[in-house]
């Protein structure tokens, strides 16, 4: 992290490298956002940073929406025909490398 002279005191330059593709990236970031990221368990693929999902050092872009249907029986004693359906709207986000994921909207 490096202080940035033309930014507020709580903004620094954050630098990192993707473990998978080895791509280096750096950008201004709020210290509060960095403390949240550094204080939680990290995944190998996706960095959640200031409300943005990042992969390969770049923010992932919205690639569409999906409507997912989840079905579960109303009771473990009833027949399978008595099922409860739940619909979940998701947004699909994608990295330039092709990696994608779905998030609840």
N, C-alpha and C. Protein backbone atom coordinates (compact mmCIF):
# COMPACT_ATOMS: atom_id res chain seq x y z
N UNK A 1 0.84 -1.17 0.00
CA UNK A 1 0.00 0.00 0.00
C UNK A 1 0.89 1.24 0.00
N UNK A 2 0.46 2.22 -0.77
CA UNK A 2 1.21 3.46 -0.89
C UNK A 2 0.25 4.64 -0.76
N UNK A 3 0.64 5.68 -0.02
CA UNK A 3 -0.17 6.89 0.07
C UNK A 3 -0.25 7.55 -1.30
N UNK A 4 -1.41 8.15 -1.59
CA UNK A 4 -1.61 8.87 -2.84
C UNK A 4 -1.79 10.35 -2.54
N UNK A 5 -0.90 11.22 -3.02
CA UNK A 5 -0.94 12.63 -2.66
C UNK A 5 -2.20 13.37 -3.12
N UNK A 6 -2.80 13.02 -4.22
CA UNK A 6 -3.97 13.74 -4.74
C UNK A 6 -5.30 13.14 -4.29
N UNK A 7 -5.28 12.26 -3.30
CA UNK A 7 -6.48 11.59 -2.81
C UNK A 7 -6.65 11.87 -1.32
N UNK A 8 -7.85 11.64 -0.79
CA UNK A 8 -8.05 11.80 0.66
C UNK A 8 -7.10 10.88 1.45
N UNK A 9 -6.90 11.21 2.71
CA UNK A 9 -5.96 10.46 3.55
C UNK A 9 -6.35 9.01 3.72
N UNK A 10 -7.64 8.68 3.57
CA UNK A 10 -8.06 7.28 3.76
C UNK A 10 -8.01 6.47 2.46
N UNK A 11 -7.38 6.99 1.41
CA UNK A 11 -7.24 6.28 0.14
C UNK A 11 -5.76 6.01 -0.12
N UNK A 12 -5.45 4.75 -0.42
CA UNK A 12 -4.07 4.34 -0.70
C UNK A 12 -4.03 3.58 -2.03
N UNK A 13 -2.86 3.33 -2.52
CA UNK A 13 -2.69 2.53 -3.73
C UNK A 13 -2.49 1.08 -3.30
N UNK A 14 -3.42 0.22 -3.68
CA UNK A 14 -3.34 -1.20 -3.34
C UNK A 14 -2.79 -1.97 -4.55
N UNK A 15 -1.87 -2.88 -4.31
CA UNK A 15 -1.27 -3.68 -5.37
C UNK A 15 -1.39 -5.15 -5.01
N UNK A 16 -1.65 -5.98 -6.00
CA UNK A 16 -1.76 -7.42 -5.76
C UNK A 16 -1.58 -8.18 -7.06
N UNK A 17 -1.33 -9.49 -6.93
CA UNK A 17 -1.14 -10.37 -8.08
C UNK A 17 -2.09 -11.56 -7.95
N UNK A 18 -2.78 -11.89 -9.05
CA UNK A 18 -3.68 -13.05 -9.07
C UNK A 18 -2.85 -14.32 -8.94
N UNK A 19 -3.22 -15.19 -8.01
CA UNK A 19 -2.47 -16.44 -7.81
C UNK A 19 -2.58 -17.38 -9.00
N UNK A 20 -3.71 -17.34 -9.69
CA UNK A 20 -3.94 -18.28 -10.79
C UNK A 20 -3.22 -17.83 -12.06
N UNK A 21 -3.45 -16.60 -12.50
CA UNK A 21 -2.89 -16.17 -13.79
C UNK A 21 -1.63 -15.34 -13.65
N UNK A 22 -1.24 -14.98 -12.42
CA UNK A 22 -0.05 -14.20 -12.12
C UNK A 22 -0.14 -12.76 -12.65
N UNK A 23 -1.33 -12.27 -12.91
CA UNK A 23 -1.49 -10.91 -13.43
C UNK A 23 -1.44 -9.90 -12.28
N UNK A 24 -0.60 -8.90 -12.44
CA UNK A 24 -0.42 -7.85 -11.44
C UNK A 24 -1.44 -6.74 -11.68
N UNK A 25 -1.97 -6.16 -10.59
CA UNK A 25 -2.91 -5.06 -10.69
C UNK A 25 -2.70 -4.11 -9.53
N UNK A 26 -3.00 -2.83 -9.75
CA UNK A 26 -2.98 -1.87 -8.67
C UNK A 26 -4.01 -0.79 -8.96
N UNK A 27 -4.60 -0.25 -7.90
CA UNK A 27 -5.61 0.80 -8.02
C UNK A 27 -5.82 1.47 -6.68
N UNK A 28 -6.39 2.70 -6.68
CA UNK A 28 -6.71 3.36 -5.41
C UNK A 28 -7.77 2.57 -4.66
N UNK A 29 -7.66 2.54 -3.33
CA UNK A 29 -8.62 1.82 -2.50
C UNK A 29 -8.74 2.51 -1.15
N UNK A 30 -9.94 2.46 -0.59
CA UNK A 30 -10.16 3.01 0.74
C UNK A 30 -9.55 2.07 1.78
N UNK A 31 -8.92 2.63 2.79
CA UNK A 31 -8.30 1.84 3.85
C UNK A 31 -9.34 0.95 4.54
N UNK A 32 -10.56 1.46 4.73
CA UNK A 32 -11.62 0.66 5.36
C UNK A 32 -11.93 -0.59 4.53
N UNK A 33 -11.98 -0.45 3.21
CA UNK A 33 -12.23 -1.61 2.34
C UNK A 33 -11.08 -2.61 2.43
N UNK A 34 -9.86 -2.11 2.46
CA UNK A 34 -8.70 -3.00 2.58
C UNK A 34 -8.71 -3.76 3.89
N UNK A 35 -9.08 -3.10 4.98
CA UNK A 35 -9.08 -3.78 6.28
C UNK A 35 -10.11 -4.91 6.29
N UNK A 36 -11.24 -4.72 5.62
CA UNK A 36 -12.25 -5.78 5.55
C UNK A 36 -11.71 -6.95 4.74
N UNK A 37 -11.10 -6.67 3.59
CA UNK A 37 -10.56 -7.73 2.73
C UNK A 37 -9.44 -8.49 3.45
N UNK A 38 -8.53 -7.78 4.07
CA UNK A 38 -7.39 -8.43 4.71
C UNK A 38 -7.76 -9.15 6.00
N UNK A 39 -8.89 -8.77 6.59
CA UNK A 39 -9.30 -9.37 7.86
C UNK A 39 -10.17 -10.60 7.74
N UNK A 40 -10.49 -11.03 6.54
CA UNK A 40 -11.34 -12.21 6.38
C UNK A 40 -10.60 -13.31 5.64
N UNK A 41 -11.15 -14.50 5.72
CA UNK A 41 -10.55 -15.63 5.02
C UNK A 41 -10.63 -15.40 3.52
N UNK A 42 -9.53 -15.61 2.82
CA UNK A 42 -9.46 -15.34 1.39
C UNK A 42 -9.74 -16.61 0.58
N UNK A 43 -10.36 -16.43 -0.58
CA UNK A 43 -10.51 -17.52 -1.52
C UNK A 43 -9.37 -17.41 -2.53
N UNK A 44 -9.12 -18.46 -3.27
CA UNK A 44 -8.04 -18.43 -4.25
C UNK A 44 -8.42 -17.72 -5.54
N UNK A 45 -9.72 -17.58 -5.83
CA UNK A 45 -10.11 -17.10 -7.14
C UNK A 45 -10.67 -15.69 -7.18
N UNK A 46 -11.53 -15.32 -6.25
CA UNK A 46 -12.26 -14.07 -6.35
C UNK A 46 -11.95 -13.19 -5.14
N UNK A 47 -11.67 -11.92 -5.42
CA UNK A 47 -11.43 -10.94 -4.38
C UNK A 47 -12.64 -10.00 -4.37
N UNK A 48 -13.29 -9.89 -3.23
CA UNK A 48 -14.43 -8.98 -3.09
C UNK A 48 -13.86 -7.71 -2.47
N UNK A 49 -13.92 -6.64 -3.22
CA UNK A 49 -13.21 -5.44 -2.85
C UNK A 49 -14.09 -4.22 -3.07
N UNK A 50 -14.53 -3.58 -1.98
CA UNK A 50 -15.33 -2.37 -2.11
C UNK A 50 -16.62 -2.57 -2.90
N UNK A 51 -17.25 -3.73 -2.77
CA UNK A 51 -18.48 -4.00 -3.50
C UNK A 51 -18.27 -4.53 -4.90
N UNK A 52 -17.02 -4.68 -5.32
CA UNK A 52 -16.72 -5.21 -6.65
C UNK A 52 -16.12 -6.61 -6.51
N UNK A 53 -16.47 -7.48 -7.41
CA UNK A 53 -15.88 -8.81 -7.47
C UNK A 53 -14.76 -8.76 -8.49
N UNK A 54 -13.54 -9.16 -8.06
CA UNK A 54 -12.38 -9.05 -8.93
C UNK A 54 -11.78 -10.43 -9.15
N UNK A 55 -11.37 -10.67 -10.40
CA UNK A 55 -10.70 -11.90 -10.79
C UNK A 55 -9.64 -11.50 -11.81
N UNK A 56 -8.49 -12.09 -11.77
CA UNK A 56 -7.38 -11.71 -12.66
C UNK A 56 -7.02 -10.24 -12.53
N UNK A 57 -7.27 -9.64 -11.35
CA UNK A 57 -6.90 -8.26 -11.11
C UNK A 57 -7.82 -7.23 -11.73
N UNK A 58 -8.97 -7.66 -12.26
CA UNK A 58 -9.91 -6.73 -12.89
C UNK A 58 -11.31 -6.94 -12.33
N UNK A 59 -12.10 -5.87 -12.27
CA UNK A 59 -13.50 -6.05 -11.84
C UNK A 59 -14.25 -6.93 -12.83
N UNK A 60 -15.03 -7.86 -12.31
CA UNK A 60 -15.85 -8.71 -13.18
C UNK A 60 -17.05 -7.90 -13.67
N UNK A 61 -17.47 -8.16 -14.89
CA UNK A 61 -18.57 -7.42 -15.52
C UNK A 61 -19.83 -8.26 -15.54
N UNK A 62 -20.99 -7.60 -15.45
CA UNK A 62 -22.26 -8.31 -15.52
C UNK A 62 -22.42 -8.90 -16.91
N UNK A 63 -22.77 -10.18 -16.96
CA UNK A 63 -22.90 -10.88 -18.24
C UNK A 63 -24.33 -11.35 -18.49
N UNK A 64 -25.24 -11.05 -17.58
CA UNK A 64 -26.63 -11.45 -17.76
C UNK A 64 -27.30 -11.74 -16.44
N UNK A 65 -28.53 -12.23 -16.54
CA UNK A 65 -29.32 -12.59 -15.36
C UNK A 65 -29.93 -13.96 -15.59
N UNK A 66 -30.23 -14.64 -14.51
CA UNK A 66 -30.86 -15.96 -14.57
C UNK A 66 -31.96 -16.02 -13.52
N UNK A 67 -32.92 -16.89 -13.73
CA UNK A 67 -33.95 -17.17 -12.74
C UNK A 67 -33.81 -18.65 -12.39
N UNK A 68 -33.42 -18.95 -11.18
CA UNK A 68 -33.18 -20.32 -10.73
C UNK A 68 -34.38 -20.81 -9.93
N UNK A 69 -34.74 -22.07 -10.13
CA UNK A 69 -35.86 -22.69 -9.40
C UNK A 69 -35.29 -23.73 -8.46
N UNK A 70 -35.64 -23.60 -7.19
CA UNK A 70 -35.25 -24.57 -6.17
C UNK A 70 -36.51 -25.26 -5.69
N UNK A 71 -36.48 -26.57 -5.59
CA UNK A 71 -37.65 -27.34 -5.18
C UNK A 71 -37.32 -28.18 -3.95
N UNK A 72 -38.25 -28.18 -2.99
CA UNK A 72 -38.08 -28.99 -1.79
C UNK A 72 -39.45 -29.51 -1.37
N UNK A 73 -39.52 -30.73 -0.83
CA UNK A 73 -40.81 -31.26 -0.37
C UNK A 73 -41.31 -30.45 0.83
N UNK A 74 -42.63 -30.31 0.93
CA UNK A 74 -43.22 -29.60 2.06
C UNK A 74 -42.99 -30.36 3.36
N UNK A 75 -42.90 -31.67 3.26
CA UNK A 75 -42.69 -32.51 4.43
C UNK A 75 -41.89 -33.73 4.01
N UNK A 76 -41.13 -34.28 4.92
CA UNK A 76 -40.39 -35.50 4.61
C UNK A 76 -41.30 -36.72 4.59
N UNK A 77 -42.53 -36.57 5.09
CA UNK A 77 -43.48 -37.68 5.13
C UNK A 77 -44.42 -37.70 3.93
N UNK A 78 -44.57 -36.56 3.24
CA UNK A 78 -45.50 -36.48 2.11
C UNK A 78 -44.85 -36.98 0.83
N UNK A 79 -45.69 -37.21 -0.16
CA UNK A 79 -45.20 -37.64 -1.47
C UNK A 79 -44.45 -36.49 -2.14
N UNK A 80 -43.62 -36.83 -3.11
CA UNK A 80 -42.80 -35.83 -3.80
C UNK A 80 -43.63 -34.83 -4.60
N UNK A 81 -44.90 -35.17 -4.88
CA UNK A 81 -45.73 -34.25 -5.67
C UNK A 81 -46.13 -33.01 -4.87
N UNK A 82 -46.05 -33.06 -3.55
CA UNK A 82 -46.32 -31.89 -2.73
C UNK A 82 -44.98 -31.18 -2.46
N UNK A 83 -44.58 -30.36 -3.41
CA UNK A 83 -43.29 -29.70 -3.28
C UNK A 83 -43.47 -28.19 -3.23
N UNK A 84 -42.54 -27.55 -2.61
CA UNK A 84 -42.50 -26.10 -2.51
C UNK A 84 -41.44 -25.59 -3.48
N UNK A 85 -41.83 -24.67 -4.37
CA UNK A 85 -40.87 -24.09 -5.32
C UNK A 85 -40.49 -22.69 -4.88
N UNK A 86 -39.21 -22.41 -4.96
CA UNK A 86 -38.69 -21.09 -4.66
C UNK A 86 -37.91 -20.63 -5.88
N UNK A 87 -38.15 -19.40 -6.30
CA UNK A 87 -37.45 -18.84 -7.45
C UNK A 87 -36.46 -17.78 -6.96
N UNK A 88 -35.27 -17.84 -7.48
CA UNK A 88 -34.20 -16.95 -7.07
C UNK A 88 -33.64 -16.26 -8.31
N UNK A 89 -33.68 -14.94 -8.30
CA UNK A 89 -33.11 -14.16 -9.39
C UNK A 89 -31.63 -13.95 -9.11
N UNK A 90 -30.80 -14.23 -10.10
CA UNK A 90 -29.36 -14.07 -9.94
C UNK A 90 -28.80 -13.22 -11.06
N UNK A 91 -27.63 -12.64 -10.80
CA UNK A 91 -26.90 -11.96 -11.87
C UNK A 91 -25.63 -12.74 -12.13
N UNK A 92 -25.30 -12.87 -13.38
CA UNK A 92 -24.10 -13.59 -13.80
C UNK A 92 -23.01 -12.55 -14.05
N UNK A 93 -21.84 -12.75 -13.42
CA UNK A 93 -20.71 -11.85 -13.66
C UNK A 93 -19.57 -12.68 -14.24
N UNK A 94 -18.79 -12.04 -15.10
CA UNK A 94 -17.75 -12.77 -15.83
C UNK A 94 -16.45 -11.96 -15.88
N UNK A 95 -15.34 -12.69 -15.82
CA UNK A 95 -14.00 -12.11 -15.96
C UNK A 95 -13.60 -12.19 -17.44
N UNK A 96 -12.65 -11.37 -17.85
CA UNK A 96 -12.17 -11.42 -19.24
C UNK A 96 -11.54 -12.77 -19.58
N UNK A 97 -11.09 -13.52 -18.57
CA UNK A 97 -10.49 -14.83 -18.83
C UNK A 97 -11.54 -15.92 -19.06
N UNK A 98 -12.83 -15.59 -18.82
CA UNK A 98 -13.90 -16.57 -19.02
C UNK A 98 -14.50 -17.10 -17.73
N UNK A 99 -13.82 -16.92 -16.61
CA UNK A 99 -14.36 -17.36 -15.32
C UNK A 99 -15.65 -16.59 -15.05
N UNK A 100 -16.68 -17.28 -14.57
CA UNK A 100 -17.93 -16.59 -14.24
C UNK A 100 -18.56 -17.19 -13.00
N UNK A 101 -19.46 -16.42 -12.39
CA UNK A 101 -20.19 -16.88 -11.21
C UNK A 101 -21.53 -16.19 -11.16
N UNK A 102 -22.45 -16.77 -10.39
CA UNK A 102 -23.78 -16.21 -10.21
C UNK A 102 -23.92 -15.70 -8.78
N UNK A 103 -24.55 -14.55 -8.65
CA UNK A 103 -24.80 -13.94 -7.34
C UNK A 103 -26.29 -13.65 -7.20
N UNK A 104 -26.87 -13.84 -6.02
CA UNK A 104 -28.27 -13.45 -5.83
C UNK A 104 -28.43 -11.96 -6.06
N UNK A 105 -29.55 -11.58 -6.69
CA UNK A 105 -29.81 -10.15 -6.89
C UNK A 105 -30.50 -9.57 -5.69
